[in-house]
Amino acid sequence: MLQFCHMGNTLTIRLPEELLARLREKSRRTGLPMGRVVQESLEATLEPDRKQIWRKYVGILKDGPPDLSSRKGYSRK
């Protein structure tokens, strides 16, 4: 499968020798360019934040009873 995706942004980082060696080894084992290995690692690291975006809304809805069964008209008594 061919994928053409224009990457317009460049990021330059400095890596310790040990981390660079691990990156090169992973690139060699997977057959992917080092840049792609880094990109996939970043995506995997940042993905949980995207999946749990709802967490920023926790606790916002404070109006109303804490238990809907205590609302008037819903009691079975």
C-alpha atoms as a PDB file:
ATOM      1  CA  MET A   1       0.000   0.000   0.000  1.00  0.00           C
ATOM      2  CA  LEU A   2       1.400   3.374  -0.974  1.00  0.00           C
ATOM      3  CA  GLN A   3       0.739   6.363   1.185  1.00  0.00           C
ATOM      4  CA  PHE A   4       1.645   9.873   0.210  1.00  0.00           C
ATOM      5  CA  CYS A   5       1.503  12.305   3.071  1.00  0.00           C
ATOM      6  CA  HIS A   6       3.209  15.658   2.819  1.00  0.00           C
ATOM      7  CA  MET A   7       5.003  16.402   6.053  1.00  0.00           C
ATOM      8  CA  GLY A   8       5.514  20.124   6.325  1.00  0.00           C
ATOM      9  CA  ASN A   9       6.917  20.363   9.842  1.00  0.00           C
ATOM     10  CA  THR A  10      10.421  19.499  10.937  1.00  0.00           C
ATOM     11  CA  LEU A  11      11.566  18.928  14.499  1.00  0.00           C
ATOM     12  CA  THR A  12      15.223  18.738  15.447  1.00  0.00           C
ATOM     13  CA  ILE A  13      16.103  16.994  18.698  1.00  0.00           C
ATOM     14  CA  ARG A  14      19.317  15.953  20.411  1.00  0.00           C
ATOM     15  CA  LEU A  15      19.504  12.389  21.684  1.00  0.00           C
ATOM     16  CA  PRO A  16      21.955  10.743  24.053  1.00  0.00           C
ATOM     17  CA  GLU A  17      24.128   8.134  22.326  1.00  0.00           C
ATOM     18  CA  GLU A  18      22.361   5.233  24.084  1.00  0.00           C
ATOM     19  CA  LEU A  19      18.913   6.385  22.989  1.00  0.00           C
ATOM     20  CA  LEU A  20      20.123   6.992  19.444  1.00  0.00           C
ATOM     21  CA  ALA A  21      21.569   3.473  19.337  1.00  0.00           C
ATOM     22  CA  ARG A  22      18.231   2.039  20.499  1.00  0.00           C
ATOM     23  CA  LEU A  23      16.401   4.079  17.866  1.00  0.00           C
ATOM     24  CA  ARG A  24      18.740   2.871  15.135  1.00  0.00           C
ATOM     25  CA  GLU A  25      18.290  -0.736  16.276  1.00  0.00           C
ATOM     26  CA  LYS A  26      14.497  -0.443  16.251  1.00  0.00           C
ATOM     27  CA  SER A  27      14.665   1.139  12.804  1.00  0.00           C
ATOM     28  CA  ARG A  28      16.853  -1.699  11.552  1.00  0.00           C
ATOM     29  CA  ARG A  29      14.598  -4.414  13.040  1.00  0.00           C
ATOM     30  CA  THR A  30      11.358  -2.931  11.734  1.00  0.00           C
ATOM     31  CA  GLY A  31      12.694  -1.743   8.397  1.00  0.00           C
ATOM     32  CA  LEU A  32      11.189   1.701   9.023  1.00  0.00           C
ATOM     33  CA  PRO A  33      13.074   4.976   8.783  1.00  0.00           C
ATOM     34  CA  MET A  34      14.109   6.438  12.134  1.00  0.00           C
ATOM     35  CA  GLY A  35      11.757   9.389  11.627  1.00  0.00           C
ATOM     36  CA  ARG A  36       8.800   7.051  11.206  1.00  0.00           C
ATOM     37  CA  VAL A  37       9.737   5.115  14.358  1.00  0.00           C
ATOM     38  CA  VAL A  38       9.857   8.392  16.304  1.00  0.00           C
ATOM     39  CA  GLN A  39       6.536   9.535  14.812  1.00  0.00           C
ATOM     40  CA  GLU A  40       4.798   6.267  15.713  1.00  0.00           C
ATOM     41  CA  SER A  41       6.233   6.422  19.240  1.00  0.00           C
ATOM     42  CA  LEU A  42       4.931   9.966  19.691  1.00  0.00           C
ATOM     43  CA  GLU A  43       1.517   9.006  18.354  1.00  0.00           C
ATOM     44  CA  ALA A  44       1.330   6.051  20.753  1.00  0.00           C
ATOM     45  CA  THR A  45       2.358   8.273  23.667  1.00  0.00           C
ATOM     46  CA  LEU A  46      -0.086  11.069  22.863  1.00  0.00           C
ATOM     47  CA  GLU A  47      -3.048   8.877  21.888  1.00  0.00           C
ATOM     48  CA  PRO A  48      -4.304   8.216  25.444  1.00  0.00           C
ATOM     49  CA  ASP A  49      -4.768  11.973  25.880  1.00  0.00           C
ATOM     50  CA  ARG A  50      -7.003  12.103  22.811  1.00  0.00           C
ATOM     51  CA  LYS A  51      -9.077   9.093  23.861  1.00  0.00           C
ATOM     52  CA  GLN A  52      -9.777  10.544  27.297  1.00  0.00           C
ATOM     53  CA  ILE A  53     -10.675  14.068  26.246  1.00  0.00           C
ATOM     54  CA  TRP A  54     -13.961  13.694  28.157  1.00  0.00           C
ATOM     55  CA  ARG A  55     -12.033  13.811  31.453  1.00  0.00           C
ATOM     56  CA  LYS A  56     -11.816  17.590  31.358  1.00  0.00           C
ATOM     57  CA  TYR A  57     -15.604  17.690  31.782  1.00  0.00           C
ATOM     58  CA  VAL A  58     -15.707  15.515  34.905  1.00  0.00           C
ATOM     59  CA  GLY A  59     -17.218  17.408  37.811  1.00  0.00           C
ATOM     60  CA  ILE A  60     -18.595  20.293  35.737  1.00  0.00           C
ATOM     61  CA  LEU A  61     -22.238  19.266  36.005  1.00  0.00           C
ATOM     62  CA  LYS A  62     -22.878  20.135  39.628  1.00  0.00           C
ATOM     63  CA  ASP A  63     -26.509  21.268  39.462  1.00  0.00           C
ATOM     64  CA  GLY A  64     -29.168  18.785  40.460  1.00  0.00           C
ATOM     65  CA  PRO A  65     -29.313  15.954  42.936  1.00  0.00           C
ATOM     66  CA  PRO A  66     -26.387  13.560  43.174  1.00  0.00           C
ATOM     67  CA  ASP A  67     -28.780  10.633  42.772  1.00  0.00           C
ATOM     68  CA  LEU A  68     -31.587  10.862  40.210  1.00  0.00           C
ATOM     69  CA  SER A  69     -33.768   8.536  42.286  1.00  0.00           C
ATOM     70  CA  SER A  70     -34.110  11.338  44.868  1.00  0.00           C
ATOM     71  CA  ARG A  71     -35.764  13.677  42.328  1.00  0.00           C
ATOM     72  CA  LYS A  72     -39.354  14.553  43.013  1.00  0.00           C
ATOM     73  CA  GLY A  73     -41.767  12.469  40.940  1.00  0.00           C
ATOM     74  CA  TYR A  74     -39.422   9.540  40.494  1.00  0.00           C
ATOM     75  CA  SER A  75     -39.892   7.948  43.892  1.00  0.00           C
ATOM     76  CA  ARG A  76     -41.833   4.646  44.060  1.00  0.00           C
ATOM     77  CA  LYS A  77     -43.029   5.325  47.609  1.00  0.00           C
END
